Protein backbone atom coordinates (compact mmCIF):
# COMPACT_ATOMS: atom_id res chain seq x y z
CA MET A 1 0.00 0.00 0.00
CA VAL A 2 2.93 2.33 0.65
CA LEU A 3 4.38 1.63 -2.82
CA TYR A 4 0.92 2.07 -4.37
CA LYS A 5 0.64 5.57 -2.96
CA ALA A 6 4.30 6.44 -3.64
CA LEU A 7 4.00 5.64 -7.36
CA HIS A 8 0.91 7.82 -7.75
CA LEU A 9 2.72 10.63 -5.92
CA SER A 10 5.67 10.18 -8.29
CA ARG A 11 3.45 11.08 -11.24
CA LYS A 12 2.76 14.46 -9.66
CA THR A 13 6.21 15.18 -8.22
CA GLY A 14 8.41 13.38 -10.76
CA GLU A 15 10.39 11.77 -7.92
CA GLY A 16 10.78 8.04 -7.27
CA GLN A 17 9.23 6.84 -10.51
CA LEU A 18 9.35 3.25 -11.72
CA LEU A 19 9.61 2.83 -15.49
CA CYS A 20 8.41 0.12 -17.86
CA ALA A 21 11.39 -2.03 -18.89
CA LEU A 22 10.10 -2.16 -22.48
CA CYS A 23 9.23 1.44 -23.27
CA GLY A 24 10.48 3.58 -20.37
CA VAL A 25 7.04 5.04 -19.52
CA ALA A 26 6.27 5.56 -15.83
CA VAL A 27 4.05 2.88 -14.28
CA TYR A 28 1.80 2.52 -11.24
CA LEU A 29 0.27 -0.34 -9.26
CA CYS A 30 -3.21 -1.74 -9.72
CA SER A 31 -5.03 -4.40 -7.76
CA ALA A 32 -6.42 -7.58 -9.26
CA PRO A 33 -10.05 -8.42 -8.37
CA ASP A 34 -8.89 -10.89 -5.70
CA ARG A 35 -7.01 -8.04 -3.90
CA GLN A 36 -4.17 -10.52 -3.33
CA HIS A 37 -2.25 -9.71 -6.50
CA PHE A 38 -1.04 -6.44 -7.97
CA TYR A 39 0.27 -5.55 -11.40
CA PHE A 40 1.78 -2.51 -13.11
CA LYS A 41 0.03 -0.21 -15.56
CA HIS A 42 1.40 2.56 -17.75
CA PHE A 43 0.33 6.05 -16.76
CA HIS A 44 -0.30 6.62 -20.46
CA GLU A 45 -0.11 4.53 -23.62
CA ASP A 46 0.50 5.62 -27.21
CA GLY A 47 0.57 2.17 -28.80
CA SER A 48 4.37 1.95 -29.00
CA CYS A 49 4.78 -0.58 -26.17
CA PRO A 50 3.98 -4.28 -26.74
CA ALA A 51 2.61 -4.47 -23.20
CA VAL A 52 -0.95 -3.09 -23.30
CA THR A 53 -2.01 -2.43 -19.73
CA ARG A 54 -4.82 0.09 -19.79
CA GLN A 55 -8.53 -0.36 -20.47
CA ARG A 56 -10.32 1.69 -23.08
CA LEU A 57 -12.61 3.56 -20.70
CA ASN A 58 -11.22 6.86 -19.38
CA GLU A 59 -11.75 8.24 -15.88
CA THR A 60 -14.77 10.32 -16.92
CA GLN A 61 -16.51 7.30 -18.41
CA ILE A 62 -15.69 5.15 -15.39
CA ASN A 63 -17.04 7.79 -13.02
CA ALA A 64 -20.22 8.05 -15.10
CA LEU A 65 -20.77 4.33 -14.71
CA ARG A 66 -19.82 4.37 -11.05
CA TYR A 67 -22.17 7.16 -10.01
CA HIS A 68 -24.90 6.56 -12.64
CA GLY A 69 -24.95 10.28 -13.40
CA GLN A 70 -25.18 11.31 -9.74
CA ARG A 71 -22.39 13.58 -8.54
CA GLU A 72 -22.81 12.74 -4.85
CA SER A 73 -24.86 10.28 -2.87
CA LYS A 74 -27.23 11.40 -0.12
CA ARG A 75 -24.96 9.65 2.37
CA HIS A 76 -21.95 11.63 1.15
CA ILE A 77 -23.84 14.90 1.57
CA ARG A 78 -25.06 13.84 5.01
CA ILE A 79 -21.54 13.07 6.28
CA LYS A 80 -20.18 16.35 4.90
CA ASN A 81 -22.82 18.17 6.88
CA LEU A 82 -22.07 16.12 10.00
CA VAL A 83 -18.38 17.08 9.73
CA ALA A 84 -19.27 20.76 9.30
CA ASP A 85 -21.81 20.72 12.13
CA SER A 86 -19.29 19.03 14.44
CA LEU A 87 -16.66 21.62 13.57
CA ARG A 88 -19.08 24.42 14.49
CA LEU A 89 -19.21 22.99 18.01
CA ASP A 90 -15.43 23.20 18.36
CA HIS A 91 -14.08 26.64 19.29
CA GLN A 92 -10.63 25.56 18.07
CA PHE A 93 -11.89 25.55 14.47
CA SER A 94 -13.00 28.46 12.32
CA GLU A 95 -16.40 28.51 10.65
CA PRO A 96 -16.32 25.58 8.19
CA THR A 97 -16.86 25.96 4.48
CA ILE A 98 -18.55 23.21 2.48
CA GLU A 99 -17.40 22.71 -1.11
CA GLY A 100 -15.66 26.09 -1.16
CA THR A 101 -13.05 26.82 -3.82
CA TRP A 102 -9.49 26.64 -2.49
CA LYS A 103 -7.17 28.55 -4.80
CA GLY A 104 -3.53 27.51 -4.74
CA ARG A 105 -0.80 29.96 -3.91
CA ASP A 106 0.66 29.67 -7.38
CA GLY A 107 -2.67 30.65 -8.92
CA LYS A 108 -2.60 27.65 -11.26
CA GLU A 109 -4.44 25.01 -9.25
CA PHE A 110 -7.53 24.88 -7.12
CA ARG A 111 -9.48 22.30 -5.14
CA ARG A 112 -12.98 22.05 -3.70
CA PRO A 113 -12.63 20.06 -0.48
CA ASP A 114 -15.77 18.62 1.03
CA VAL A 115 -15.22 20.69 4.18
CA ARG A 116 -12.57 23.27 4.99
CA SER A 117 -11.69 24.91 8.30
CA THR A 118 -8.71 26.33 10.20
CA PHE A 119 -7.48 24.67 13.38
CA ARG A 120 -6.25 26.92 16.18
CA GLU A 121 -5.88 29.82 13.71
CA GLN A 122 -2.78 28.17 12.29
CA LEU A 123 -3.46 25.00 10.33
CA ASP A 124 -5.85 24.84 7.40
CA VAL A 125 -7.54 21.44 7.30
CA ALA A 126 -9.34 19.91 4.33
CA PHE A 127 -11.75 17.12 5.21
CA GLU A 128 -12.53 14.76 2.34
CA VAL A 129 -15.33 12.21 2.71
CA GLN A 130 -14.43 8.85 1.19
CA LEU A 131 -17.36 6.51 0.58
CA SER A 132 -16.52 5.00 -2.80
CA THR A 133 -13.45 4.29 -4.90
CA THR A 134 -11.21 7.21 -5.85
CA PHE A 135 -8.48 7.07 -8.47
CA GLY A 136 -4.98 6.88 -6.99
CA ARG A 137 -3.94 9.78 -9.20
CA VAL A 138 -6.67 11.97 -7.72
CA MET A 139 -5.65 11.09 -4.17
CA ALA A 140 -1.99 11.84 -4.91
CA GLU A 141 -2.77 15.18 -6.54
CA ARG A 142 -4.87 16.25 -3.57
CA GLU A 143 -2.13 15.34 -1.12
CA VAL A 144 0.55 17.20 -3.07
CA PHE A 145 -1.71 20.26 -3.38
CA TYR A 146 -2.57 20.53 0.31
CA LYS A 147 1.01 19.89 1.38
CA SER A 148 2.21 22.71 -0.89
CA GLU A 149 -0.42 24.93 0.73
CA GLY A 150 0.91 24.17 4.21
CA ALA A 151 -2.41 22.51 4.98
CA LEU A 152 -3.52 19.06 6.16
CA LEU A 153 -5.67 16.63 4.22
CA THR A 154 -7.84 14.46 6.48
CA TRP A 155 -9.88 11.61 5.04
CA VAL A 156 -13.07 10.55 6.83
CA PHE A 157 -15.35 7.57 6.22
CA GLY A 158 -18.97 6.85 6.94
CA GLU A 159 -17.98 3.42 8.24
CA PHE A 160 -14.79 1.37 8.32
CA ASP A 161 -14.24 -2.36 8.23
CA LEU A 162 -10.74 -3.37 7.16
CA ASP A 163 -11.89 -6.89 6.27
CA HIS A 164 -14.26 -5.50 3.66
CA ALA A 165 -12.48 -2.24 2.85
CA ARG A 166 -12.12 -1.01 -0.70
CA LEU A 167 -8.58 -0.63 -2.00
CA MET A 168 -8.57 3.16 -1.55
CA MET A 169 -9.74 2.81 2.04
CA GLU A 170 -6.93 0.37 2.75
CA VAL A 171 -4.37 2.67 1.09
CA ILE A 172 -5.53 5.61 3.19
CA PHE A 173 -5.47 3.48 6.35
CA VAL A 174 -1.95 2.09 5.82
CA ASN A 175 -0.43 5.43 4.84
CA ASN A 176 -2.09 7.22 7.75
CA ASN A 177 -0.09 5.22 10.29
CA ARG A 178 -2.80 2.51 10.28
CA ASN A 179 -5.39 4.98 11.61
CA ALA A 180 -8.76 5.68 9.98
CA PHE A 181 -11.50 8.11 11.02
CA VAL A 182 -15.27 7.72 10.84
CA VAL A 183 -17.89 10.45 11.10
CA ASN A 184 -21.50 9.39 11.49
CA GLU A 185 -24.60 10.09 13.56
CA ALA A 186 -23.00 8.54 16.66
CA THR A 187 -19.92 10.78 16.46
CA TRP A 188 -22.19 13.79 15.90
CA LEU A 189 -23.94 13.06 19.21
CA ALA A 190 -20.54 12.60 20.89
CA SER A 191 -19.38 15.92 19.45
CA GLN A 192 -22.46 17.61 20.91
CA ASP A 193 -21.75 16.14 24.33
CA ALA A 194 -18.05 17.09 24.22
CA GLY A 195 -18.44 20.46 22.53
CA THR A 196 -15.64 19.57 20.14
CA LEU A 197 -15.01 17.58 16.96
CA VAL A 198 -15.17 13.89 17.85
CA MET A 199 -14.49 11.09 15.38
CA GLU A 200 -14.37 7.33 15.64
CA CYS A 201 -10.77 6.19 15.22
CA HIS A 202 -10.01 2.70 13.92
CA TRP A 203 -6.43 1.50 14.24
CA ALA A 204 -4.30 -1.63 14.19
CA GLN A 205 -2.59 -2.26 17.52
CA PRO A 206 0.73 -4.16 17.36
CA THR A 207 1.65 -6.54 20.18
CA ARG A 208 4.47 -9.00 20.60
CA HIS A 209 3.80 -12.72 20.56
CA LYS A 210 7.07 -14.60 21.15
CA ASP A 211 9.32 -13.54 18.25
CA SER A 212 6.65 -12.07 16.02
CA ILE A 213 4.27 -9.11 15.95
CA ILE A 214 0.52 -9.57 15.75
CA TRP A 215 -2.05 -6.89 14.94
CA THR A 216 -5.46 -6.45 16.51
CA ARG A 217 -8.27 -4.11 15.49
CA GLN A 218 -9.15 -1.32 17.90
CA LYS A 219 -11.55 1.60 17.81
CA GLN A 220 -12.34 4.50 20.09
CA LEU A 221 -14.02 7.89 20.01
CA VAL A 222 -11.32 10.58 19.92
CA ARG A 223 -11.22 14.35 19.77
CA PHE A 224 -9.36 16.02 16.92
CA ASP A 225 -7.13 17.85 19.39
CA GLU A 226 -5.92 14.47 20.68
CA LEU A 227 -4.37 13.61 17.33
CA THR A 228 -0.72 13.85 16.39
CA ILE A 229 -0.45 15.99 13.26
CA ASP A 230 2.30 15.25 10.74
CA GLN A 231 1.77 17.87 8.06
CA GLU A 232 4.94 16.93 6.18
CA ARG A 233 3.63 13.42 5.54
CA GLN A 234 0.02 14.58 5.28
CA ARG A 235 -1.36 12.49 8.08
CA ALA A 236 -2.98 12.79 11.50
CA PHE A 237 -3.23 9.84 13.85
CA TYR A 238 -4.33 8.88 17.35
CA VAL A 239 -2.01 5.90 17.89
CA ASP A 240 1.56 5.94 16.55
CA THR A 241 1.52 2.36 15.31
CA GLU A 242 4.82 2.80 13.45
CA ALA A 243 6.64 3.74 16.64
CA LEU A 244 5.04 0.89 18.58
CA GLU A 245 5.96 -1.57 15.85
CA GLY A 246 9.53 -0.29 15.84
CA GLN A 247 9.82 -0.69 19.61
CA LEU A 248 8.50 -4.24 19.47
CA GLN A 249 10.77 -5.12 16.55
CA GLU A 250 13.73 -3.76 18.51
CA GLU A 251 12.76 -5.99 21.44
CA ILE A 252 12.78 -8.95 19.08
CA ASP A 253 15.83 -8.11 16.97
CA GLY A 254 17.77 -5.93 19.38
CA PRO A 255 18.69 -2.30 18.68
CA PRO A 256 18.75 -1.18 15.02
CA LEU A 257 22.14 -0.98 13.35
CA TRP A 258 22.41 2.79 13.60
CA LYS A 259 21.75 2.61 17.36
CA ARG A 260 24.36 -0.12 17.84
CA PHE A 261 26.90 2.02 16.00
CA GLU A 262 26.04 5.16 17.95
CA ASP A 263 26.22 3.38 21.30
CA PHE A 264 29.57 1.85 20.38
CA TRP A 265 31.11 5.08 19.11
CA LEU A 266 30.01 7.32 21.96
CA THR A 267 31.31 4.78 24.46
CA TYR A 268 34.52 4.28 22.48
CA GLU A 269 35.09 8.06 22.59
CA ALA A 270 34.21 8.15 26.33
CA PHE A 271 31.54 10.74 25.50
CA GLU A 272 30.10 12.53 28.55
CA GLY A 273 31.86 10.30 31.07
CA ARG A 274 31.17 6.92 29.49
CA VAL A 275 33.73 4.27 30.37
CA ARG A 276 35.58 2.82 27.41
CA PRO A 277 35.92 -1.00 27.57
CA ASP A 278 39.27 -2.73 27.36
CA VAL A 279 40.91 -3.16 23.96
CA ASP A 280 39.84 -6.79 23.51
CA THR A 281 36.20 -5.90 24.14
CA VAL A 282 36.40 -2.96 21.75
CA ASP A 283 37.91 -5.22 19.08
CA ARG A 284 35.11 -7.77 19.49
CA GLN A 285 32.42 -5.09 19.37
CA TRP A 286 33.91 -3.49 16.27
CA GLU A 287 34.19 -6.87 14.54
CA ASP A 288 30.54 -7.55 15.34
CA LEU A 289 29.58 -4.18 13.85
CA ARG A 290 31.76 -4.83 10.81
CA GLN A 291 29.95 -8.10 10.13
CA ARG A 292 26.53 -6.52 10.57
CA PHE A 293 27.44 -3.68 8.18
CA ASN A 294 28.88 -6.19 5.75
CA ARG A 295 25.59 -8.12 5.68
CA GLU A 296 23.94 -4.87 4.60
CA GLY A 297 26.50 -4.40 1.82
CA ALA A 298 28.63 -1.75 3.56
CA LEU A 299 32.30 -1.82 4.53
CA LEU A 300 33.43 -0.46 7.88
CA PRO A 301 37.09 0.63 7.75
CA SER A 302 39.54 0.51 10.60
CA ARG A 303 38.28 2.50 13.56
CA HIS A 304 41.75 4.11 13.51
CA ASP A 305 41.37 5.47 9.97
CA PHE A 306 41.84 9.17 10.66
CA LYS A 307 39.59 10.31 7.81
CA PHE A 308 36.81 8.00 8.96
CA VAL A 309 37.22 9.19 12.54
CA GLY A 310 37.09 12.80 11.34
CA ILE A 311 33.87 12.44 9.40
CA ILE A 312 32.15 10.46 12.19
CA ARG A 313 33.12 13.05 14.79
CA SER A 314 31.92 15.82 12.46
CA ILE A 315 28.50 14.23 12.00
CA PHE A 316 28.04 13.56 15.70
CA LEU A 317 28.98 17.18 16.39
CA ALA A 318 26.19 18.28 14.05
CA LYS A 319 23.74 15.72 15.44
CA LEU A 320 24.34 16.16 19.17
CA GLY A 321 25.54 19.75 19.26
CA LYS A 322 28.51 18.62 21.37
CA SER A 323 32.06 17.62 20.60
CA VAL A 324 32.62 13.84 20.44
CA GLY A 325 36.28 12.88 20.67
CA TRP A 326 37.73 16.36 20.23
CA LYS A 327 38.71 18.29 23.35
CA TYR A 328 36.32 21.18 22.90
CA GLN A 329 33.98 22.21 25.65
CA GLN A 330 31.72 24.33 23.45
CA PHE A 331 30.01 23.76 20.11
CA TRP A 332 31.24 26.96 18.41
CA PRO A 333 35.00 26.24 18.44
CA ALA A 334 34.38 22.57 17.61
CA ALA A 335 32.34 23.59 14.54
CA HIS A 336 35.20 25.84 13.38
CA HIS A 337 37.60 22.93 13.77
CA VAL A 338 35.96 21.03 10.89
CA PRO A 339 36.71 23.51 8.04
CA ASP A 340 40.18 23.97 9.52
CA ALA A 341 41.23 20.35 10.06
CA GLU A 342 38.58 18.06 8.55
CA LYS A 343 38.17 19.51 5.07
CA PRO A 344 37.31 16.15 3.39
CA SER A 345 34.28 15.96 5.73
CA LEU A 346 32.90 19.41 4.94
CA TRP A 347 30.62 18.23 2.12
CA LEU A 348 28.53 16.23 4.58
CA PHE A 349 29.14 18.26 7.75
CA VAL A 350 27.46 21.41 6.39
CA ASP A 351 24.47 19.45 5.09
CA ALA A 352 24.23 17.65 8.43
CA LEU A 353 24.22 21.00 10.25
CA GLN A 354 21.32 22.05 8.05
CA HIS A 355 19.47 18.76 8.62
CA TYR A 356 19.81 18.89 12.41
CA GLY A 357 18.83 22.55 12.55
CA ARG A 358 22.18 23.99 13.65
CA LEU A 359 23.40 25.83 10.55
CA ALA A 360 21.20 28.89 11.08
CA GLY A 361 22.51 29.23 14.63
CA ILE A 362 26.13 29.15 13.45
CA GLU A 363 25.46 31.82 10.85
CA GLN A 364 23.67 34.02 13.39
CA GLN A 365 26.61 33.80 15.80
CA ASP A 366 29.10 34.62 13.06
CA THR A 367 29.29 38.32 13.96
CA LYS A 368 32.92 38.60 12.86
CA GLY A 369 32.43 36.73 9.60
CA ARG A 370 34.85 33.91 10.44
CA TRP A 371 32.45 31.15 9.43
CA ALA A 372 31.45 32.92 6.21
CA GLU A 373 35.11 33.35 5.35
CA LYS A 374 35.80 29.65 5.83
CA MET A 375 32.77 28.69 3.75
CA ALA A 376 33.95 31.00 0.96
CA LYS A 377 37.41 29.46 1.12
CA TRP A 378 35.85 26.00 0.92
CA ALA A 379 33.87 27.00 -2.17
CA GLU A 380 37.02 28.36 -3.80
CA GLY A 381 38.93 25.18 -2.96
CA VAL A 382 36.24 22.99 -4.52
CA ALA A 383 36.06 25.19 -7.63
CA SER A 384 39.83 25.07 -8.11
CA GLU A 385 39.85 21.29 -7.44
CA SER A 386 42.30 21.74 -4.59
CA SER A 387 43.43 18.39 -3.14
CA ASP A 388 42.96 19.83 0.36
CA TYR A 389 39.20 20.01 -0.24
CA GLN A 390 38.77 16.71 -2.07
CA GLU A 391 35.65 15.07 -0.71
CA GLU A 392 36.01 11.75 1.11
CA HIS A 393 33.50 9.21 -0.20
CA ARG A 394 35.06 5.85 0.70
CA PHE A 395 32.70 5.46 3.64
CA ASP A 396 29.41 6.50 2.03
CA SER A 397 27.63 3.13 2.31
CA ALA A 398 28.62 2.81 5.99
CA LEU A 399 27.51 6.39 6.69
CA ARG A 400 24.09 5.75 5.18
CA LEU A 401 23.60 2.87 7.62
CA ALA A 402 25.11 4.65 10.63
CA PHE A 403 23.08 7.83 10.02
CA PRO A 404 19.96 6.75 8.08
CA GLU A 405 18.36 10.16 8.56
CA LEU A 406 21.13 11.58 6.32
CA ALA A 407 20.90 8.87 3.66
CA GLU A 408 19.39 11.19 1.06
CA LEU A 409 22.39 13.52 1.42
CA ILE A 410 24.93 10.77 0.75
CA PRO A 411 25.71 9.49 -2.79
CA GLU A 412 24.66 5.96 -3.65
CA LEU A 413 27.98 5.01 -5.26
CA GLU A 414 31.40 4.86 -3.70
CA GLN A 415 34.84 3.72 -4.73
CA PHE A 416 37.24 1.48 -2.86
CA THR A 417 40.85 0.92 -3.80
CA GLU A 418 43.32 -1.83 -3.08
CA ASP A 419 45.12 0.61 -0.79
CA ASP A 420 42.18 0.84 1.60
CA PRO A 421 43.08 -0.10 5.19
CA PRO A 422 41.91 -3.46 6.60
CA PRO A 423 38.26 -3.46 7.78
CA PHE A 424 39.04 -3.79 11.49
């Protein structure tokens, strides 16, 4: 379900597309009638590909058959009104608008959400009622639009039964952290009693059973202000099932690889008073990490490789805001150490500062222009192809595993030479 949604988003954003091996046209996933099998379809066909994947009916014709000429069902209209009436009870929301035109900031696009309101005078929320099948393309375009508007798209159902859910309902459920929301006459009565927007939340609760995770269905009436809002991923949820699943999986498998590496390195560097083990223990721990990284296709170098040590210390400085391994008591002088002494690490250090939210602080403190001067010197060194500023990329695969949150900043390819040091 995650891939299903991602491929439809790729059509709108152009990122993360999968292409037909025969013709190179972008494809998306469709479900077979049994819902157990999926297959790829072209987004468009011009007759040049031997694989014909699309039916002759277009979306307009399909919708005409689906709705039999009716734009909305009475049930759809009723739920829209229940959402709006419930919002009017909640002082945290502005006066709701039903089917109002929402013009995009760029002036090129617009949407007509079922219900629109503003939460706590800060977050615009579009409520869309989902009772029948919706094309994946339409869902993706709505999500991209509302995200670009700094708003939140919230799907609501008239009823929800995962065992008999339509494909679109299941896609919404899975991609909303396995949470789904229902608005009906019962939630309207609950909203009246509470004086706030109340919805029925359905979620899948993970629990551990020996060395596996099982999922059970749960439901509960919840207030909107009890939800966790993740505007970046266009979702709002009551139970963080992803986090719970991760915790249970960690209990089963042990800490994730990045956590094992971080715990080892901070202890190895005696960070904040940690006691470094004896050499034999350190060797065993490093060998264990090396094997785990190797199983993931990454090579850990010697822990004494000074360039590797430099880039790891640089990233931890950006991540933790404290010096790890270097004898600096404050962040500011430690940050200046990197462009002075760890030039091969600068390419990732500066991006890491940006990712962890520390770059703006450095620039604000740079009242004498020292940081700006060093950044300008770095840019000149890169432009002139100075060997002093040659980027170090031998450790890229290991860095992606050790710092997965930075993976998108690190190239996919790396080069190793016969002169590389031994792996432990």
